[in-house]
Amino acid sequence: MKIIDSLKWRYATKKFDTTKKVSSTNIELLKEAVNLTATSYGLQPYKVLIIENPEIREKLKAASWGQPQLTDAYVLFLFCNYTNVGDKEVDNYLGLRAKINNLDVSDSADYGNMMKSHMASMSPEQMKVWTSKQTYIALGTLMAAASELGIDSGPMEGFDKESFDKILGLKEKGLTASVMCALGYRSQDDSFLAFKKVRKPLEDMYEIV
């Protein structure tokens, strides 16, 4: 499996080579990979901001305690979860599902009602936790896909989410910042480059029941 070698190669890159660019072709491949990520009910309750603007990245860096990845990586993928998902989103999904699969949308009425009932049972805080969890599935897909392309990645939770929301105007869009990934190519000066990957032995990780 090539993916095993790719995952062994990748690490959480802290220092990026600012002279190297990720091709537009590879950016499109990463976007497609993220879009194909599995999500609960297939609803994809998040949006991904691809942050390139240097001025915005400087502001976000200040809200990330000065971490250099914010400005040194070629591009940032910021996963933003929707703070509320309800009937409209379910209906939109079922309409698209019916169109793509050449179905009558009425055939999915019971399924739709089940989803709507589940959404309605959540408190606002439970809803935010649920939608945020979906972004982490997509983050994993992004990092795995990047490793297949030989692109370095650095997942990041260490930022002031409220500041990000304000800088990017996310609240007005019904979104909130969840998790981020810096993408580019590693600098040979990265102090983490020489570290060997540390993982538990398989016998400690897995238990057959």
C-alpha atoms as a PDB file:
ATOM      1  CA  MET A   1       0.000   0.000   0.000  1.00  0.00           C
ATOM      2  CA  LYS A   2       1.537   3.275  -1.132  1.00  0.00           C
ATOM      3  CA  ILE A   3      -0.505   5.138   1.496  1.00  0.00           C
ATOM      4  CA  ILE A   4       1.456   3.424   4.285  1.00  0.00           C
ATOM      5  CA  ASP A   5       4.751   4.730   2.933  1.00  0.00           C
ATOM      6  CA  SER A   6       3.195   8.159   2.432  1.00  0.00           C
ATOM      7  CA  LEU A   7       1.915   8.282   6.007  1.00  0.00           C
ATOM      8  CA  LYS A   8       5.294   7.182   7.338  1.00  0.00           C
ATOM      9  CA  TRP A   9       6.875  10.020   5.344  1.00  0.00           C
ATOM     10  CA  ARG A  10       4.561  12.787   6.586  1.00  0.00           C
ATOM     11  CA  TYR A  11       4.945  14.604   9.870  1.00  0.00           C
ATOM     12  CA  ALA A  12       3.447  17.711  11.442  1.00  0.00           C
ATOM     13  CA  THR A  13       5.556  20.251   9.602  1.00  0.00           C
ATOM     14  CA  LYS A  14       6.428  23.318  11.653  1.00  0.00           C
ATOM     15  CA  LYS A  15       8.752  25.180   9.283  1.00  0.00           C
ATOM     16  CA  PHE A  16       7.939  25.535   5.607  1.00  0.00           C
ATOM     17  CA  ASP A  17      10.128  26.457   2.653  1.00  0.00           C
ATOM     18  CA  THR A  18       8.682  29.808   1.563  1.00  0.00           C
ATOM     19  CA  THR A  19      10.252  29.521  -1.908  1.00  0.00           C
ATOM     20  CA  LYS A  20       8.261  26.432  -2.930  1.00  0.00           C
ATOM     21  CA  LYS A  21       4.739  26.554  -4.290  1.00  0.00           C
ATOM     22  CA  VAL A  22       2.023  23.911  -4.428  1.00  0.00           C
ATOM     23  CA  SER A  23       0.759  23.603  -7.996  1.00  0.00           C
ATOM     24  CA  SER A  24      -2.792  24.625  -8.823  1.00  0.00           C
ATOM     25  CA  THR A  25      -3.360  21.083 -10.099  1.00  0.00           C
ATOM     26  CA  ASN A  26      -2.469  19.625  -6.705  1.00  0.00           C
ATOM     27  CA  ILE A  27      -4.612  22.188  -4.885  1.00  0.00           C
ATOM     28  CA  GLU A  28      -7.569  21.058  -6.980  1.00  0.00           C
ATOM     29  CA  LEU A  29      -6.811  17.411  -6.161  1.00  0.00           C
ATOM     30  CA  LEU A  30      -6.737  18.224  -2.441  1.00  0.00           C
ATOM     31  CA  LYS A  31     -10.038  20.085  -2.730  1.00  0.00           C
ATOM     32  CA  GLU A  32     -11.629  17.101  -4.442  1.00  0.00           C
ATOM     33  CA  ALA A  33     -10.261  14.696  -1.824  1.00  0.00           C
ATOM     34  CA  VAL A  34     -11.728  16.776   1.006  1.00  0.00           C
ATOM     35  CA  ASN A  35     -15.050  16.995  -0.829  1.00  0.00           C
ATOM     36  CA  LEU A  36     -15.150  13.181  -1.033  1.00  0.00           C
ATOM     37  CA  THR A  37     -14.733  12.800   2.734  1.00  0.00           C
ATOM     38  CA  ALA A  38     -17.317  10.744   4.588  1.00  0.00           C
ATOM     39  CA  THR A  39     -19.591  12.786   6.875  1.00  0.00           C
ATOM     40  CA  SER A  40     -22.550  11.963   9.057  1.00  0.00           C
ATOM     41  CA  TYR A  41     -25.596  11.441   6.799  1.00  0.00           C
ATOM     42  CA  GLY A  42     -23.458  12.838   3.972  1.00  0.00           C
ATOM     43  CA  LEU A  43     -24.521  16.359   4.972  1.00  0.00           C
ATOM     44  CA  GLN A  44     -21.041  17.955   4.903  1.00  0.00           C
ATOM     45  CA  PRO A  45     -21.923  20.471   7.654  1.00  0.00           C
ATOM     46  CA  TYR A  46     -18.867  22.634   7.137  1.00  0.00           C
ATOM     47  CA  LYS A  47     -17.122  24.941   4.683  1.00  0.00           C
ATOM     48  CA  VAL A  48     -13.404  25.084   3.923  1.00  0.00           C
ATOM     49  CA  LEU A  49     -11.729  28.461   3.533  1.00  0.00           C
ATOM     50  CA  ILE A  50      -8.581  28.378   1.398  1.00  0.00           C
ATOM     51  CA  ILE A  51      -6.606  31.280   2.783  1.00  0.00           C
ATOM     52  CA  GLU A  52      -4.019  32.836   0.490  1.00  0.00           C
ATOM     53  CA  ASN A  53      -4.326  36.590   1.143  1.00  0.00           C
ATOM     54  CA  PRO A  54      -1.104  37.709   2.892  1.00  0.00           C
ATOM     55  CA  GLU A  55      -2.786  40.512   4.850  1.00  0.00           C
ATOM     56  CA  ILE A  56      -5.433  38.192   6.234  1.00  0.00           C
ATOM     57  CA  ARG A  57      -2.792  35.607   7.062  1.00  0.00           C
ATOM     58  CA  GLU A  58      -0.825  38.180   9.062  1.00  0.00           C
ATOM     59  CA  LYS A  59      -3.950  38.952  11.083  1.00  0.00           C
ATOM     60  CA  LEU A  60      -4.604  35.264  11.647  1.00  0.00           C
ATOM     61  CA  LYS A  61      -0.971  34.768  12.671  1.00  0.00           C
ATOM     62  CA  ALA A  62      -1.435  37.352  15.425  1.00  0.00           C
ATOM     63  CA  ALA A  63      -4.473  35.363  16.577  1.00  0.00           C
ATOM     64  CA  SER A  64      -2.354  32.191  16.545  1.00  0.00           C
ATOM     65  CA  TRP A  65       0.288  33.406  18.951  1.00  0.00           C
ATOM     66  CA  GLY A  66       2.745  34.174  16.153  1.00  0.00           C
ATOM     67  CA  GLN A  67       3.101  30.661  14.778  1.00  0.00           C
ATOM     68  CA  PRO A  68       5.145  30.982  11.562  1.00  0.00           C
ATOM     69  CA  GLN A  69       3.165  28.360   9.645  1.00  0.00           C
ATOM     70  CA  LEU A  70       0.380  30.905   9.228  1.00  0.00           C
ATOM     71  CA  THR A  71       2.497  32.982   6.867  1.00  0.00           C
ATOM     72  CA  ASP A  72       5.249  30.591   5.734  1.00  0.00           C
ATOM     73  CA  ALA A  73       3.124  27.709   4.440  1.00  0.00           C
ATOM     74  CA  TYR A  74       2.038  28.011   0.824  1.00  0.00           C
ATOM     75  CA  VAL A  75      -1.650  27.854   1.686  1.00  0.00           C
ATOM     76  CA  LEU A  76      -3.974  27.348   4.647  1.00  0.00           C
ATOM     77  CA  PHE A  77      -7.093  25.208   4.675  1.00  0.00           C
ATOM     78  CA  LEU A  78      -9.389  26.409   7.466  1.00  0.00           C
ATOM     79  CA  PHE A  79     -12.276  24.084   8.287  1.00  0.00           C
ATOM     80  CA  CYS A  80     -15.312  25.998   9.546  1.00  0.00           C
ATOM     81  CA  ASN A  81     -18.329  24.137  10.891  1.00  0.00           C
ATOM     82  CA  TYR A  82     -21.882  25.391  10.616  1.00  0.00           C
ATOM     83  CA  THR A  83     -23.344  26.270  13.985  1.00  0.00           C
ATOM     84  CA  ASN A  84     -26.830  25.127  13.027  1.00  0.00           C
ATOM     85  CA  VAL A  85     -28.071  22.473  10.630  1.00  0.00           C
ATOM     86  CA  GLY A  86     -31.803  21.929  10.173  1.00  0.00           C
ATOM     87  CA  ASP A  87     -34.648  21.194   7.791  1.00  0.00           C
ATOM     88  CA  LYS A  88     -33.348  23.406   4.973  1.00  0.00           C
ATOM     89  CA  GLU A  89     -29.973  21.689   4.875  1.00  0.00           C
ATOM     90  CA  VAL A  90     -31.556  18.236   4.965  1.00  0.00           C
ATOM     91  CA  ASP A  91     -33.952  19.131   2.147  1.00  0.00           C
ATOM     92  CA  ASN A  92     -31.121  20.562   0.049  1.00  0.00           C
ATOM     93  CA  TYR A  93     -29.091  17.389   0.546  1.00  0.00           C
ATOM     94  CA  LEU A  94     -31.993  15.079  -0.323  1.00  0.00           C
ATOM     95  CA  GLY A  95     -32.760  17.151  -3.411  1.00  0.00           C
ATOM     96  CA  LEU A  96     -29.161  16.833  -4.605  1.00  0.00           C
ATOM     97  CA  ARG A  97     -29.127  13.134  -3.704  1.00  0.00           C
ATOM     98  CA  ALA A  98     -32.276  12.538  -5.749  1.00  0.00           C
ATOM     99  CA  LYS A  99     -30.917  14.490  -8.725  1.00  0.00           C
ATOM    100  CA  ILE A 100     -27.579  12.692  -8.819  1.00  0.00           C
ATOM    101  CA  ASN A 101     -29.143   9.247  -8.419  1.00  0.00           C
ATOM    102  CA  ASN A 102     -32.167   9.886 -10.648  1.00  0.00           C
ATOM    103  CA  LEU A 103     -34.605   9.320  -7.785  1.00  0.00           C
ATOM    104  CA  ASP A 104     -37.887  10.856  -6.719  1.00  0.00           C
ATOM    105  CA  VAL A 105     -37.143  13.031  -3.696  1.00  0.00           C
ATOM    106  CA  SER A 106     -40.374  11.847  -2.080  1.00  0.00           C
ATOM    107  CA  ASP A 107     -38.862   8.359  -1.811  1.00  0.00           C
ATOM    108  CA  SER A 108     -36.513   9.720   0.859  1.00  0.00           C
ATOM    109  CA  ALA A 109     -39.193  11.386   2.979  1.00  0.00           C
ATOM    110  CA  ASP A 110     -38.883   8.960   5.895  1.00  0.00           C
ATOM    111  CA  TYR A 111     -35.105   9.201   5.857  1.00  0.00           C
ATOM    112  CA  GLY A 112     -35.339  12.976   5.777  1.00  0.00           C
ATOM    113  CA  ASN A 113     -37.773  13.072   8.686  1.00  0.00           C
ATOM    114  CA  MET A 114     -35.438  10.874  10.713  1.00  0.00           C
ATOM    115  CA  MET A 115     -32.531  13.230  10.073  1.00  0.00           C
ATOM    116  CA  LYS A 116     -34.615  16.302  10.889  1.00  0.00           C
ATOM    117  CA  SER A 117     -35.778  14.719  14.121  1.00  0.00           C
ATOM    118  CA  HIS A 118     -32.188  14.011  15.110  1.00  0.00           C
ATOM    119  CA  MET A 119     -31.124  17.601  14.360  1.00  0.00           C
ATOM    120  CA  ALA A 120     -34.060  19.017  16.306  1.00  0.00           C
ATOM    121  CA  SER A 121     -33.163  16.942  19.366  1.00  0.00           C
ATOM    122  CA  MET A 122     -29.735  18.576  19.697  1.00  0.00           C
ATOM    123  CA  SER A 123     -29.036  21.557  21.911  1.00  0.00           C
ATOM    124  CA  PRO A 124     -27.133  24.431  20.242  1.00  0.00           C
ATOM    125  CA  GLU A 125     -23.948  23.280  21.969  1.00  0.00           C
ATOM    126  CA  GLN A 126     -24.463  19.649  20.918  1.00  0.00           C
ATOM    127  CA  MET A 127     -25.012  20.833  17.352  1.00  0.00           C
ATOM    128  CA  LYS A 128     -21.709  22.742  17.332  1.00  0.00           C
ATOM    129  CA  VAL A 129     -19.824  19.749  18.736  1.00  0.00           C
ATOM    130  CA  TRP A 130     -21.377  17.417  16.164  1.00  0.00           C
ATOM    131  CA  THR A 131     -20.633  19.625  13.169  1.00  0.00           C
ATOM    132  CA  SER A 132     -17.122  20.334  14.438  1.00  0.00           C
ATOM    133  CA  LYS A 133     -16.386  16.607  14.668  1.00  0.00           C
ATOM    134  CA  GLN A 134     -17.116  16.277  10.962  1.00  0.00           C
ATOM    135  CA  THR A 135     -14.317  18.707  10.120  1.00  0.00           C
ATOM    136  CA  TYR A 136     -11.743  16.427  11.750  1.00  0.00           C
ATOM    137  CA  ILE A 137     -12.708  13.574   9.436  1.00  0.00           C
ATOM    138  CA  ALA A 138     -12.068  15.915   6.508  1.00  0.00           C
ATOM    139  CA  LEU A 139      -8.789  17.070   8.036  1.00  0.00           C
ATOM    140  CA  GLY A 140      -7.576  13.457   8.120  1.00  0.00           C
ATOM    141  CA  THR A 141      -8.508  13.009   4.475  1.00  0.00           C
ATOM    142  CA  LEU A 142      -6.660  16.203   3.552  1.00  0.00           C
ATOM    143  CA  MET A 143      -3.445  15.154   5.305  1.00  0.00           C
ATOM    144  CA  ALA A 144      -3.521  11.653   3.814  1.00  0.00           C
ATOM    145  CA  ALA A 145      -4.151  13.019   0.322  1.00  0.00           C
ATOM    146  CA  ALA A 146      -1.377  15.591   0.734  1.00  0.00           C
ATOM    147  CA  SER A 147       1.062  12.874   1.777  1.00  0.00           C
ATOM    148  CA  GLU A 148       0.231  10.907  -1.374  1.00  0.00           C
ATOM    149  CA  LEU A 149       1.177  13.986  -3.404  1.00  0.00           C
ATOM    150  CA  GLY A 150       4.374  14.578  -1.441  1.00  0.00           C
ATOM    151  CA  ILE A 151       2.951  17.766   0.062  1.00  0.00           C
ATOM    152  CA  ASP A 152       3.727  18.563   3.682  1.00  0.00           C
ATOM    153  CA  SER A 153       1.008  19.403   6.154  1.00  0.00           C
ATOM    154  CA  GLY A 154       0.691  20.746   9.660  1.00  0.00           C
ATOM    155  CA  PRO A 155      -2.662  20.409  11.447  1.00  0.00           C
ATOM    156  CA  MET A 156      -3.354  23.266  13.839  1.00  0.00           C
ATOM    157  CA  GLU A 157      -5.781  23.767  16.710  1.00  0.00           C
ATOM    158  CA  GLY A 158      -3.681  26.379  18.470  1.00  0.00           C
ATOM    159  CA  PHE A 159      -5.479  29.566  17.539  1.00  0.00           C
ATOM    160  CA  ASP A 160      -8.043  31.945  19.027  1.00  0.00           C
ATOM    161  CA  LYS A 161     -11.223  30.777  17.346  1.00  0.00           C
ATOM    162  CA  GLU A 162     -13.244  33.823  18.371  1.00  0.00           C
ATOM    163  CA  SER A 163     -10.655  36.099  16.780  1.00  0.00           C
ATOM    164  CA  PHE A 164     -10.645  33.989  13.620  1.00  0.00           C
ATOM    165  CA  ASP A 165     -14.432  34.206  13.458  1.00  0.00           C
ATOM    166  CA  LYS A 166     -14.264  37.995  13.757  1.00  0.00           C
ATOM    167  CA  ILE A 167     -11.419  38.495  11.259  1.00  0.00           C
ATOM    168  CA  LEU A 168     -13.104  36.310   8.647  1.00  0.00           C
ATOM    169  CA  GLY A 169     -16.706  37.351   9.335  1.00  0.00           C
ATOM    170  CA  LEU A 170     -17.724  33.774  10.005  1.00  0.00           C
ATOM    171  CA  LYS A 171     -20.540  34.397  12.489  1.00  0.00           C
ATOM    172  CA  GLU A 172     -22.530  36.257   9.858  1.00  0.00           C
ATOM    173  CA  LYS A 173     -22.302  33.179   7.650  1.00  0.00           C
ATOM    174  CA  GLY A 174     -23.461  30.795  10.377  1.00  0.00           C
ATOM    175  CA  LEU A 175     -19.947  29.377  10.684  1.00  0.00           C
ATOM    176  CA  THR A 176     -17.226  29.103  13.298  1.00  0.00           C
ATOM    177  CA  ALA A 177     -13.556  28.171  12.915  1.00  0.00           C
ATOM    178  CA  SER A 178     -12.859  24.558  13.870  1.00  0.00           C
ATOM    179  CA  VAL A 179      -9.410  23.342  12.807  1.00  0.00           C
ATOM    180  CA  MET A 180      -6.756  24.382  10.317  1.00  0.00           C
ATOM    181  CA  CYS A 181      -4.080  22.780   8.164  1.00  0.00           C
ATOM    182  CA  ALA A 182      -0.995  24.493   6.774  1.00  0.00           C
ATOM    183  CA  LEU A 183       0.205  23.061   3.469  1.00  0.00           C
ATOM    184  CA  GLY A 184       3.417  23.452   1.514  1.00  0.00           C
ATOM    185  CA  TYR A 185       6.872  21.931   1.482  1.00  0.00           C
ATOM    186  CA  ARG A 186       9.127  21.346   4.474  1.00  0.00           C
ATOM    187  CA  SER A 187      12.154  23.473   5.102  1.00  0.00           C
ATOM    188  CA  GLN A 188      15.372  21.562   5.537  1.00  0.00           C
ATOM    189  CA  ASP A 189      15.903  23.730   8.616  1.00  0.00           C
ATOM    190  CA  ASP A 190      12.810  22.341  10.345  1.00  0.00           C
ATOM    191  CA  SER A 191      14.044  21.004  13.675  1.00  0.00           C
ATOM    192  CA  PHE A 192      11.371  18.273  13.570  1.00  0.00           C
ATOM    193  CA  LEU A 193      12.608  16.915  10.243  1.00  0.00           C
ATOM    194  CA  ALA A 194      15.114  14.506  11.801  1.00  0.00           C
ATOM    195  CA  PHE A 195      12.673  13.101  14.371  1.00  0.00           C
ATOM    196  CA  LYS A 196      11.509   9.554  13.848  1.00  0.00           C
ATOM    197  CA  LYS A 197       7.761   8.985  13.991  1.00  0.00           C
ATOM    198  CA  VAL A 198       6.639   7.853  17.436  1.00  0.00           C
ATOM    199  CA  ARG A 199       3.639   5.528  17.502  1.00  0.00           C
ATOM    200  CA  LYS A 200       2.423   2.812  19.841  1.00  0.00           C
ATOM    201  CA  PRO A 201       3.179  -0.803  18.881  1.00  0.00           C
ATOM    202  CA  LEU A 202       0.239  -2.329  17.017  1.00  0.00           C
ATOM    203  CA  GLU A 203      -0.369  -4.811  19.833  1.00  0.00           C
ATOM    204  CA  ASP A 204      -0.948  -1.877  22.202  1.00  0.00           C
ATOM    205  CA  MET A 205      -3.201  -0.032  19.787  1.00  0.00           C
ATOM    206  CA  TYR A 206      -5.548  -2.882  18.874  1.00  0.00           C
ATOM    207  CA  GLU A 207      -7.577  -5.393  20.841  1.00  0.00           C
ATOM    208  CA  ILE A 208      -9.653  -8.125  19.285  1.00  0.00           C
ATOM    209  CA  VAL A 209     -12.932  -8.707  21.126  1.00  0.00           C
END
